[in-house]
């Protein structure tokens, strides 16, 4: 596993993030989708607490697999990604300033986020056996989805 480190924390966080274009407009075709992918990858240069692992776009939405430092709220990370990409997309494609987008954002207000990590059944078993493991009555080995111990 790829553990990340900060001054007082070691962490492995993975989030699946999805957000859509405003009014589900099919904007992210061809070059616009590729440019957006480039911009999203650039966010981590300005905000090292966000690590972009994978990105894919459809015509009206974006899927991102990312890691966020524990000190940063997911809402703040999403706000940073959306604000920076909207500003730069409107600069590169001036037509986005007109019509549907009313000078605010090209993104819809909401987003979907889900955590990705160690299998829930492994965590439940770990919690269940916690007291016994501490007293030496049980030994538990955590394994990720591939069966590899961290």
N, C-alpha and C. Protein backbone atom coordinates (compact mmCIF):
# COMPACT_ATOMS: atom_id res chain seq x y z
N UNK A 1 0.84 -1.19 0.00
CA UNK A 1 0.00 0.00 0.00
C UNK A 1 0.88 1.24 0.00
N UNK A 2 0.34 2.28 -0.54
CA UNK A 2 1.06 3.54 -0.65
C UNK A 2 0.67 4.46 0.51
N UNK A 3 1.38 4.34 1.63
CA UNK A 3 1.10 5.17 2.79
C UNK A 3 1.74 6.54 2.58
N UNK A 4 1.00 7.59 2.89
CA UNK A 4 1.53 8.95 2.80
C UNK A 4 1.82 9.44 4.21
N UNK A 5 2.74 10.37 4.31
CA UNK A 5 3.15 10.85 5.62
C UNK A 5 3.10 12.37 5.69
N UNK A 6 2.73 12.84 6.88
CA UNK A 6 2.82 14.25 7.23
C UNK A 6 3.58 14.31 8.54
N UNK A 7 3.70 15.49 9.11
CA UNK A 7 4.46 15.64 10.35
C UNK A 7 4.01 14.68 11.44
N UNK A 8 2.71 14.59 11.69
CA UNK A 8 2.22 13.78 12.81
C UNK A 8 1.16 12.77 12.38
N UNK A 9 1.20 12.37 11.12
CA UNK A 9 0.20 11.41 10.65
C UNK A 9 0.76 10.56 9.52
N UNK A 10 0.37 9.30 9.53
CA UNK A 10 0.60 8.40 8.41
C UNK A 10 -0.79 7.99 7.97
N UNK A 11 -1.07 8.07 6.68
CA UNK A 11 -2.43 7.80 6.25
C UNK A 11 -2.48 7.13 4.89
N UNK A 12 -3.59 6.45 4.67
CA UNK A 12 -3.95 5.85 3.40
C UNK A 12 -5.42 6.18 3.19
N UNK A 13 -5.69 7.22 2.45
CA UNK A 13 -7.07 7.61 2.19
C UNK A 13 -7.31 7.57 0.69
N UNK A 14 -8.43 7.02 0.30
CA UNK A 14 -8.82 6.98 -1.10
C UNK A 14 -10.29 7.37 -1.19
N UNK A 15 -10.58 8.30 -2.09
CA UNK A 15 -11.95 8.74 -2.31
C UNK A 15 -12.28 8.63 -3.80
N UNK A 16 -13.49 8.17 -4.07
CA UNK A 16 -14.02 8.19 -5.43
C UNK A 16 -14.93 9.40 -5.49
N UNK A 17 -14.57 10.37 -6.31
CA UNK A 17 -15.29 11.63 -6.41
C UNK A 17 -15.91 11.75 -7.80
N UNK A 18 -17.19 12.15 -7.84
CA UNK A 18 -17.87 12.40 -9.11
C UNK A 18 -18.56 13.75 -9.01
N UNK A 19 -18.37 14.59 -10.03
CA UNK A 19 -19.16 15.81 -10.11
C UNK A 19 -19.55 16.04 -11.57
N UNK A 20 -20.63 16.79 -11.75
CA UNK A 20 -21.21 16.95 -13.09
C UNK A 20 -21.12 18.40 -13.55
N UNK A 21 -21.25 18.57 -14.85
CA UNK A 21 -21.33 19.90 -15.41
C UNK A 21 -22.69 20.50 -15.05
N UNK A 22 -22.74 21.80 -15.02
CA UNK A 22 -23.99 22.49 -14.71
C UNK A 22 -25.03 22.13 -15.77
N UNK A 23 -26.21 21.80 -15.31
CA UNK A 23 -27.32 21.39 -16.17
C UNK A 23 -26.98 20.15 -17.00
N UNK A 24 -25.99 19.40 -16.57
CA UNK A 24 -25.54 18.18 -17.26
C UNK A 24 -25.23 18.44 -18.73
N UNK A 25 -24.73 19.63 -19.01
CA UNK A 25 -24.34 19.97 -20.38
C UNK A 25 -23.21 19.05 -20.83
N UNK A 26 -23.27 18.58 -22.04
CA UNK A 26 -22.27 17.65 -22.58
C UNK A 26 -21.08 18.42 -23.14
N UNK A 27 -20.27 18.94 -22.23
CA UNK A 27 -19.15 19.80 -22.61
C UNK A 27 -17.83 19.06 -22.77
N UNK A 28 -17.68 17.96 -22.08
CA UNK A 28 -16.36 17.36 -21.93
C UNK A 28 -16.03 16.37 -23.03
N UNK A 29 -16.26 16.78 -24.26
CA UNK A 29 -15.96 15.95 -25.42
C UNK A 29 -14.55 16.26 -25.88
N UNK A 30 -13.85 15.26 -26.36
CA UNK A 30 -12.55 15.45 -26.99
C UNK A 30 -11.58 16.31 -26.22
N UNK A 31 -11.19 17.43 -26.84
CA UNK A 31 -10.16 18.30 -26.27
C UNK A 31 -10.52 18.91 -24.94
N UNK A 32 -11.80 19.22 -24.71
CA UNK A 32 -12.18 19.81 -23.42
C UNK A 32 -12.00 18.81 -22.28
N UNK A 33 -12.34 17.56 -22.53
CA UNK A 33 -12.14 16.52 -21.51
C UNK A 33 -10.67 16.30 -21.22
N UNK A 34 -9.85 16.30 -22.28
CA UNK A 34 -8.41 16.13 -22.10
C UNK A 34 -7.81 17.31 -21.36
N UNK A 35 -8.25 18.52 -21.68
CA UNK A 35 -7.74 19.71 -20.99
C UNK A 35 -8.15 19.70 -19.52
N UNK A 36 -9.38 19.28 -19.24
CA UNK A 36 -9.84 19.18 -17.85
C UNK A 36 -8.98 18.18 -17.08
N UNK A 37 -8.68 17.05 -17.67
CA UNK A 37 -7.82 16.05 -17.02
C UNK A 37 -6.47 16.66 -16.68
N UNK A 38 -5.91 17.41 -17.61
CA UNK A 38 -4.64 18.10 -17.38
C UNK A 38 -4.76 19.08 -16.20
N UNK A 39 -5.85 19.86 -16.17
CA UNK A 39 -6.04 20.83 -15.10
C UNK A 39 -6.19 20.16 -13.73
N UNK A 40 -6.94 19.08 -13.69
CA UNK A 40 -7.16 18.38 -12.41
C UNK A 40 -5.84 17.83 -11.90
N UNK A 41 -5.04 17.25 -12.77
CA UNK A 41 -3.72 16.76 -12.34
C UNK A 41 -2.85 17.90 -11.82
N UNK A 42 -3.04 19.10 -12.35
CA UNK A 42 -2.27 20.26 -11.92
C UNK A 42 -2.64 20.76 -10.53
N UNK A 43 -3.82 20.42 -10.05
CA UNK A 43 -4.26 20.86 -8.71
C UNK A 43 -3.29 20.38 -7.64
N UNK A 44 -2.76 19.19 -7.79
CA UNK A 44 -1.87 18.65 -6.76
C UNK A 44 -0.53 19.40 -6.69
N UNK A 45 -0.16 20.10 -7.75
CA UNK A 45 1.06 20.92 -7.67
C UNK A 45 0.85 22.11 -6.74
N UNK A 46 -0.36 22.66 -6.72
CA UNK A 46 -0.67 23.83 -5.90
C UNK A 46 -1.19 23.45 -4.51
N UNK A 47 -1.70 22.26 -4.38
CA UNK A 47 -2.24 21.79 -3.10
C UNK A 47 -1.73 20.38 -2.85
N UNK A 48 -0.55 20.24 -2.24
CA UNK A 48 0.07 18.92 -2.06
C UNK A 48 -0.72 17.97 -1.14
N UNK A 49 -1.72 18.50 -0.42
CA UNK A 49 -2.55 17.63 0.42
C UNK A 49 -3.49 16.78 -0.42
N UNK A 50 -3.64 17.13 -1.70
CA UNK A 50 -4.49 16.38 -2.62
C UNK A 50 -3.59 15.63 -3.59
N UNK A 51 -3.77 14.33 -3.66
CA UNK A 51 -3.03 13.51 -4.62
C UNK A 51 -4.03 12.91 -5.60
N UNK A 52 -3.89 13.22 -6.87
CA UNK A 52 -4.76 12.68 -7.90
C UNK A 52 -4.19 11.34 -8.34
N UNK A 53 -4.97 10.28 -8.21
CA UNK A 53 -4.51 8.95 -8.56
C UNK A 53 -4.97 8.55 -9.97
N UNK A 54 -6.23 8.84 -10.27
CA UNK A 54 -6.78 8.48 -11.57
C UNK A 54 -7.93 9.42 -11.91
N UNK A 55 -8.14 9.67 -13.20
CA UNK A 55 -9.22 10.55 -13.67
C UNK A 55 -9.80 9.96 -14.93
N UNK A 56 -11.11 10.11 -15.09
CA UNK A 56 -11.76 9.80 -16.35
C UNK A 56 -12.94 10.73 -16.51
N UNK A 57 -13.16 11.19 -17.72
CA UNK A 57 -14.29 12.08 -17.97
C UNK A 57 -15.27 11.41 -18.90
N UNK A 58 -16.53 11.75 -18.73
CA UNK A 58 -17.58 11.43 -19.69
C UNK A 58 -18.02 12.78 -20.23
N UNK A 59 -19.01 12.82 -21.08
CA UNK A 59 -19.40 14.08 -21.69
C UNK A 59 -19.92 15.09 -20.69
N UNK A 60 -20.54 14.62 -19.59
CA UNK A 60 -21.15 15.57 -18.65
C UNK A 60 -20.75 15.35 -17.20
N UNK A 61 -19.77 14.52 -16.95
CA UNK A 61 -19.30 14.33 -15.57
C UNK A 61 -17.87 13.82 -15.53
N UNK A 62 -17.29 13.89 -14.32
CA UNK A 62 -15.89 13.53 -14.10
C UNK A 62 -15.81 12.53 -12.95
N UNK A 63 -15.00 11.50 -13.11
CA UNK A 63 -14.69 10.56 -12.04
C UNK A 63 -13.23 10.77 -11.66
N UNK A 64 -12.97 10.89 -10.37
CA UNK A 64 -11.60 11.07 -9.89
C UNK A 64 -11.36 10.13 -8.71
N UNK A 65 -10.24 9.44 -8.73
CA UNK A 65 -9.78 8.68 -7.58
C UNK A 65 -8.66 9.51 -6.97
N UNK A 66 -8.82 9.90 -5.71
CA UNK A 66 -7.84 10.78 -5.10
C UNK A 66 -7.59 10.42 -3.65
N UNK A 67 -6.47 10.91 -3.16
CA UNK A 67 -6.11 10.77 -1.77
C UNK A 67 -6.05 12.18 -1.19
N UNK A 68 -6.60 12.34 -0.01
CA UNK A 68 -6.62 13.65 0.64
C UNK A 68 -6.03 13.51 2.04
N UNK A 69 -5.16 14.43 2.39
CA UNK A 69 -4.56 14.41 3.73
C UNK A 69 -5.66 14.57 4.79
N UNK A 70 -5.51 13.92 5.94
CA UNK A 70 -6.54 13.99 6.99
C UNK A 70 -6.84 15.41 7.47
N UNK A 71 -5.89 16.32 7.36
CA UNK A 71 -6.13 17.68 7.84
C UNK A 71 -7.02 18.49 6.89
N UNK A 72 -7.30 17.97 5.70
CA UNK A 72 -8.09 18.67 4.71
C UNK A 72 -9.47 18.03 4.58
N UNK A 73 -10.51 18.81 4.71
CA UNK A 73 -11.88 18.29 4.56
C UNK A 73 -12.15 17.99 3.10
N UNK A 74 -12.92 16.94 2.85
CA UNK A 74 -13.25 16.58 1.48
C UNK A 74 -13.95 17.73 0.77
N UNK A 75 -14.82 18.44 1.47
CA UNK A 75 -15.53 19.57 0.86
C UNK A 75 -14.56 20.65 0.40
N UNK A 76 -13.50 20.88 1.16
CA UNK A 76 -12.50 21.87 0.78
C UNK A 76 -11.71 21.41 -0.45
N UNK A 77 -11.41 20.12 -0.51
CA UNK A 77 -10.70 19.58 -1.67
C UNK A 77 -11.55 19.70 -2.93
N UNK A 78 -12.84 19.36 -2.82
CA UNK A 78 -13.75 19.45 -3.96
C UNK A 78 -13.87 20.90 -4.40
N UNK A 79 -14.04 21.80 -3.45
CA UNK A 79 -14.15 23.24 -3.76
C UNK A 79 -12.90 23.72 -4.51
N UNK A 80 -11.73 23.30 -4.06
CA UNK A 80 -10.49 23.70 -4.70
C UNK A 80 -10.40 23.18 -6.13
N UNK A 81 -10.74 21.92 -6.32
CA UNK A 81 -10.69 21.33 -7.67
C UNK A 81 -11.69 22.02 -8.60
N UNK A 82 -12.92 22.18 -8.13
CA UNK A 82 -13.96 22.79 -8.98
C UNK A 82 -13.65 24.25 -9.29
N UNK A 83 -13.25 25.02 -8.31
CA UNK A 83 -12.99 26.45 -8.52
C UNK A 83 -11.82 26.67 -9.48
N UNK A 84 -10.73 25.95 -9.25
CA UNK A 84 -9.56 26.12 -10.10
C UNK A 84 -9.81 25.67 -11.53
N UNK A 85 -10.46 24.53 -11.69
CA UNK A 85 -10.70 24.05 -13.05
C UNK A 85 -11.73 24.92 -13.78
N UNK A 86 -12.76 25.39 -13.09
CA UNK A 86 -13.77 26.25 -13.73
C UNK A 86 -13.13 27.55 -14.22
N UNK A 87 -12.33 28.15 -13.38
CA UNK A 87 -11.68 29.41 -13.74
C UNK A 87 -10.79 29.22 -14.97
N UNK A 88 -10.00 28.17 -14.98
CA UNK A 88 -9.07 27.95 -16.09
C UNK A 88 -9.79 27.48 -17.36
N UNK A 89 -10.87 26.72 -17.21
CA UNK A 89 -11.64 26.28 -18.38
C UNK A 89 -12.30 27.49 -19.04
N UNK A 90 -12.84 28.41 -18.23
CA UNK A 90 -13.48 29.60 -18.79
C UNK A 90 -12.46 30.51 -19.46
N UNK A 91 -11.26 30.53 -18.94
CA UNK A 91 -10.20 31.35 -19.55
C UNK A 91 -9.82 30.76 -20.92
N UNK A 92 -9.72 29.44 -20.99
CA UNK A 92 -9.31 28.77 -22.24
C UNK A 92 -10.46 28.72 -23.25
N UNK A 93 -11.70 28.56 -22.77
CA UNK A 93 -12.87 28.45 -23.64
C UNK A 93 -13.86 29.57 -23.28
N UNK A 94 -13.69 30.75 -23.84
CA UNK A 94 -14.49 31.92 -23.46
C UNK A 94 -16.00 31.74 -23.62
N UNK A 95 -16.44 30.86 -24.50
CA UNK A 95 -17.89 30.67 -24.67
C UNK A 95 -18.56 30.15 -23.40
N UNK A 96 -17.79 29.59 -22.47
CA UNK A 96 -18.36 29.10 -21.22
C UNK A 96 -18.86 30.24 -20.34
N UNK A 97 -18.41 31.45 -20.58
CA UNK A 97 -18.85 32.62 -19.81
C UNK A 97 -20.28 33.04 -20.19
N UNK A 98 -20.73 32.60 -21.33
CA UNK A 98 -22.02 33.05 -21.86
C UNK A 98 -23.11 32.01 -21.62
N UNK A 99 -24.32 32.44 -21.83
CA UNK A 99 -25.46 31.52 -21.83
C UNK A 99 -25.73 30.86 -20.50
N UNK A 100 -25.64 29.56 -20.48
CA UNK A 100 -26.03 28.77 -19.32
C UNK A 100 -25.20 29.03 -18.07
N UNK A 101 -24.01 29.52 -18.21
CA UNK A 101 -23.08 29.48 -17.09
C UNK A 101 -22.99 30.76 -16.27
N UNK A 102 -23.67 31.77 -16.63
CA UNK A 102 -23.84 33.02 -15.86
C UNK A 102 -22.65 33.47 -15.03
N UNK A 103 -21.46 33.36 -15.58
CA UNK A 103 -20.23 33.86 -14.95
C UNK A 103 -19.87 33.20 -13.61
N UNK A 104 -20.55 32.19 -13.19
CA UNK A 104 -20.19 31.54 -11.92
C UNK A 104 -19.36 30.28 -12.20
N UNK A 105 -19.97 29.16 -12.24
CA UNK A 105 -19.21 27.93 -12.42
C UNK A 105 -19.77 27.09 -13.54
N UNK A 106 -18.93 26.28 -14.11
CA UNK A 106 -19.40 25.33 -15.11
C UNK A 106 -19.84 24.03 -14.45
N UNK A 107 -19.62 23.93 -13.13
CA UNK A 107 -19.95 22.70 -12.39
C UNK A 107 -21.27 22.84 -11.63
N UNK A 108 -21.97 21.74 -11.50
CA UNK A 108 -23.16 21.74 -10.65
C UNK A 108 -22.73 21.91 -9.20
N UNK A 109 -23.67 22.25 -8.35
CA UNK A 109 -23.34 22.55 -6.95
C UNK A 109 -22.86 21.31 -6.19
N UNK A 110 -23.52 20.18 -6.38
CA UNK A 110 -23.23 19.00 -5.57
C UNK A 110 -22.13 18.12 -6.13
N UNK A 111 -21.90 17.03 -5.42
CA UNK A 111 -20.94 16.02 -5.84
C UNK A 111 -21.25 14.73 -5.12
N UNK A 112 -20.70 13.63 -5.61
CA UNK A 112 -20.79 12.33 -4.96
C UNK A 112 -19.39 11.96 -4.51
N UNK A 113 -19.28 11.44 -3.30
CA UNK A 113 -17.99 10.96 -2.83
C UNK A 113 -18.21 9.67 -2.04
N UNK A 114 -17.29 8.75 -2.22
CA UNK A 114 -17.33 7.49 -1.50
C UNK A 114 -15.90 7.14 -1.11
N UNK A 115 -15.75 6.56 0.06
CA UNK A 115 -14.41 6.14 0.47
C UNK A 115 -14.08 4.81 -0.19
N UNK A 116 -12.81 4.63 -0.44
CA UNK A 116 -12.31 3.40 -1.02
C UNK A 116 -11.17 2.97 -0.12
N UNK A 117 -11.16 1.72 0.31
CA UNK A 117 -10.07 1.32 1.19
C UNK A 117 -10.16 -0.14 1.55
N UNK A 118 -9.72 -0.46 2.73
CA UNK A 118 -9.74 -1.83 3.19
C UNK A 118 -11.18 -2.31 3.25
N UNK A 119 -11.40 -3.53 2.90
CA UNK A 119 -12.71 -4.16 2.88
C UNK A 119 -13.42 -3.99 4.23
N UNK A 120 -14.72 -3.61 4.19
CA UNK A 120 -15.47 -3.36 5.42
C UNK A 120 -15.51 -4.58 6.33
N UNK A 121 -15.61 -5.77 5.77
CA UNK A 121 -15.66 -6.97 6.62
C UNK A 121 -14.35 -7.14 7.39
N UNK A 122 -13.23 -6.75 6.80
CA UNK A 122 -11.94 -6.83 7.49
C UNK A 122 -11.93 -5.86 8.68
N UNK A 123 -12.45 -4.66 8.47
CA UNK A 123 -12.50 -3.67 9.55
C UNK A 123 -13.42 -4.14 10.66
N UNK A 124 -14.60 -4.66 10.30
CA UNK A 124 -15.54 -5.17 11.32
C UNK A 124 -14.88 -6.27 12.15
N UNK A 125 -14.18 -7.18 11.50
CA UNK A 125 -13.51 -8.28 12.21
C UNK A 125 -12.41 -7.72 13.12
N UNK A 126 -11.67 -6.75 12.63
CA UNK A 126 -10.61 -6.12 13.42
C UNK A 126 -11.19 -5.49 14.68
N UNK A 127 -12.32 -4.76 14.54
CA UNK A 127 -12.96 -4.11 15.69
C UNK A 127 -13.48 -5.17 16.66
N UNK A 128 -14.10 -6.20 16.11
CA UNK A 128 -14.66 -7.27 16.95
C UNK A 128 -13.58 -7.96 17.78
N UNK A 129 -12.42 -8.17 17.20
CA UNK A 129 -11.35 -8.90 17.88
C UNK A 129 -10.39 -8.00 18.64
N UNK A 130 -10.63 -6.70 18.64
CA UNK A 130 -9.68 -5.76 19.21
C UNK A 130 -9.28 -6.08 20.65
N UNK A 131 -10.23 -6.28 21.53
CA UNK A 131 -9.92 -6.56 22.93
C UNK A 131 -9.14 -7.85 23.10
N UNK A 132 -9.53 -8.89 22.38
CA UNK A 132 -8.86 -10.19 22.50
C UNK A 132 -7.45 -10.14 21.92
N UNK A 133 -7.26 -9.37 20.86
CA UNK A 133 -5.93 -9.27 20.27
C UNK A 133 -4.97 -8.61 21.23
N UNK A 134 -5.43 -7.59 21.94
CA UNK A 134 -4.58 -6.89 22.89
C UNK A 134 -4.15 -7.79 24.04
N UNK A 135 -5.00 -8.75 24.42
CA UNK A 135 -4.66 -9.63 25.54
C UNK A 135 -3.95 -10.90 25.07
N UNK A 136 -3.64 -10.97 23.76
CA UNK A 136 -2.90 -12.12 23.25
C UNK A 136 -3.78 -13.31 22.93
N UNK A 137 -5.10 -13.18 22.97
CA UNK A 137 -5.98 -14.31 22.71
C UNK A 137 -6.28 -14.50 21.22
N UNK A 138 -6.04 -13.50 20.43
CA UNK A 138 -6.32 -13.62 19.00
C UNK A 138 -5.24 -12.88 18.21
N UNK A 139 -4.98 -13.37 17.05
CA UNK A 139 -4.04 -12.71 16.16
C UNK A 139 -4.79 -12.42 14.87
N UNK A 140 -4.77 -11.18 14.43
CA UNK A 140 -5.49 -10.78 13.23
C UNK A 140 -4.51 -10.16 12.25
N UNK A 141 -4.58 -10.62 11.04
CA UNK A 141 -3.75 -10.05 9.99
C UNK A 141 -4.68 -9.33 9.04
N UNK A 142 -4.46 -8.02 8.88
CA UNK A 142 -5.24 -7.24 7.94
C UNK A 142 -4.70 -7.48 6.54
N UNK A 143 -5.62 -7.69 5.61
CA UNK A 143 -5.22 -7.85 4.21
C UNK A 143 -6.10 -6.93 3.38
N UNK A 144 -5.51 -6.43 2.31
CA UNK A 144 -6.32 -5.58 1.42
C UNK A 144 -7.11 -6.48 0.48
N UNK A 145 -7.81 -5.87 -0.48
CA UNK A 145 -8.68 -6.61 -1.38
C UNK A 145 -7.92 -7.64 -2.21
N UNK A 146 -6.63 -7.45 -2.41
CA UNK A 146 -5.84 -8.39 -3.19
C UNK A 146 -5.28 -9.52 -2.34
N UNK A 147 -5.51 -9.45 -1.02
CA UNK A 147 -5.01 -10.47 -0.12
C UNK A 147 -3.60 -10.20 0.37
N UNK A 148 -3.11 -8.99 0.15
CA UNK A 148 -1.75 -8.62 0.55
C UNK A 148 -1.80 -7.90 1.89
N UNK A 149 -0.94 -8.29 2.80
CA UNK A 149 -0.86 -7.60 4.10
C UNK A 149 -0.15 -6.28 3.92
N UNK A 150 -0.61 -5.24 4.65
CA UNK A 150 0.05 -3.93 4.55
C UNK A 150 1.43 -3.95 5.14
